[in-house]
């Protein structure tokens, strides 16, 4: 993940999503809004399954 690329896109979401995906196993989602989590977790889970 290239932070510069995320900045150039003008969106922190890309970088934050990558960070969340990496730290999800440690922190789960107890500190995030439930609405945000439900969507992110589904995407992250799919990515995680693909990665094996």
C-alpha atoms as a PDB file:
ATOM      1  CA  UNK A   1       0.000   0.000   0.000  1.00  0.00           C
ATOM      2  CA  UNK A   2       1.444   3.328  -1.059  1.00  0.00           C
ATOM      3  CA  UNK A   3       0.328   6.259   1.163  1.00  0.00           C
ATOM      4  CA  UNK A   4       1.333   8.675  -1.593  1.00  0.00           C
ATOM      5  CA  UNK A   5      -1.038   6.935  -3.981  1.00  0.00           C
ATOM      6  CA  UNK A   6      -3.861   7.272  -1.449  1.00  0.00           C
ATOM      7  CA  UNK A   7      -3.108  10.984  -1.028  1.00  0.00           C
ATOM      8  CA  UNK A   8      -3.082  11.537  -4.759  1.00  0.00           C
ATOM      9  CA  UNK A   9      -6.510   9.913  -4.975  1.00  0.00           C
ATOM     10  CA  UNK A  10      -7.645  12.533  -2.480  1.00  0.00           C
ATOM     11  CA  UNK A  11      -9.103   9.820  -0.285  1.00  0.00           C
ATOM     12  CA  UNK A  12      -7.906   8.602   3.091  1.00  0.00           C
ATOM     13  CA  UNK A  13     -10.378   5.729   2.846  1.00  0.00           C
ATOM     14  CA  UNK A  14      -8.042   3.641   0.702  1.00  0.00           C
ATOM     15  CA  UNK A  15      -5.201   3.938   3.192  1.00  0.00           C
ATOM     16  CA  UNK A  16      -7.437   3.520   6.235  1.00  0.00           C
ATOM     17  CA  UNK A  17      -9.068   0.422   4.745  1.00  0.00           C
ATOM     18  CA  UNK A  18      -5.650  -1.149   4.179  1.00  0.00           C
ATOM     19  CA  UNK A  19      -4.687  -0.326   7.775  1.00  0.00           C
ATOM     20  CA  UNK A  20      -7.981  -1.682   9.095  1.00  0.00           C
ATOM     21  CA  UNK A  21      -7.575  -4.887   7.111  1.00  0.00           C
ATOM     22  CA  UNK A  22      -4.120  -5.409   8.615  1.00  0.00           C
ATOM     23  CA  UNK A  23      -5.168  -4.646  12.201  1.00  0.00           C
ATOM     24  CA  UNK A  24      -8.582  -6.310  12.079  1.00  0.00           C
ATOM     25  CA  UNK A  25      -7.297  -9.558  13.556  1.00  0.00           C
ATOM     26  CA  UNK A  26      -6.037  -7.658  16.612  1.00  0.00           C
ATOM     27  CA  UNK A  27      -8.656  -5.017  17.224  1.00  0.00           C
ATOM     28  CA  UNK A  28     -11.757  -6.503  15.557  1.00  0.00           C
ATOM     29  CA  UNK A  29     -14.272  -3.674  15.230  1.00  0.00           C
ATOM     30  CA  UNK A  30     -15.400  -2.859  18.769  1.00  0.00           C
ATOM     31  CA  UNK A  31     -14.373   0.791  18.330  1.00  0.00           C
ATOM     32  CA  UNK A  32     -16.002   1.426  14.959  1.00  0.00           C
ATOM     33  CA  UNK A  33     -19.588   2.420  14.101  1.00  0.00           C
ATOM     34  CA  UNK A  34     -21.673  -0.676  13.459  1.00  0.00           C
ATOM     35  CA  UNK A  35     -22.928   0.568  10.078  1.00  0.00           C
ATOM     36  CA  UNK A  36     -19.407   1.108   8.792  1.00  0.00           C
ATOM     37  CA  UNK A  37     -18.227  -2.213  10.190  1.00  0.00           C
ATOM     38  CA  UNK A  38     -20.926  -4.359   8.594  1.00  0.00           C
ATOM     39  CA  UNK A  39     -19.858  -3.304   5.093  1.00  0.00           C
ATOM     40  CA  UNK A  40     -16.106  -3.273   5.707  1.00  0.00           C
ATOM     41  CA  UNK A  41     -16.058  -6.645   7.448  1.00  0.00           C
ATOM     42  CA  UNK A  42     -17.845  -8.300   4.541  1.00  0.00           C
ATOM     43  CA  UNK A  43     -15.299  -6.939   2.053  1.00  0.00           C
ATOM     44  CA  UNK A  44     -12.366  -7.698   4.357  1.00  0.00           C
ATOM     45  CA  UNK A  45     -13.626 -11.227   4.959  1.00  0.00           C
ATOM     46  CA  UNK A  46     -13.848 -11.863   1.213  1.00  0.00           C
ATOM     47  CA  UNK A  47     -10.299 -10.562   0.723  1.00  0.00           C
ATOM     48  CA  UNK A  48      -9.050 -12.637   3.653  1.00  0.00           C
ATOM     49  CA  UNK A  49     -10.604 -15.804   2.275  1.00  0.00           C
ATOM     50  CA  UNK A  50      -9.029 -15.182  -1.115  1.00  0.00           C
ATOM     51  CA  UNK A  51      -5.657 -14.722   0.561  1.00  0.00           C
ATOM     52  CA  UNK A  52      -6.141 -18.040   2.318  1.00  0.00           C
END
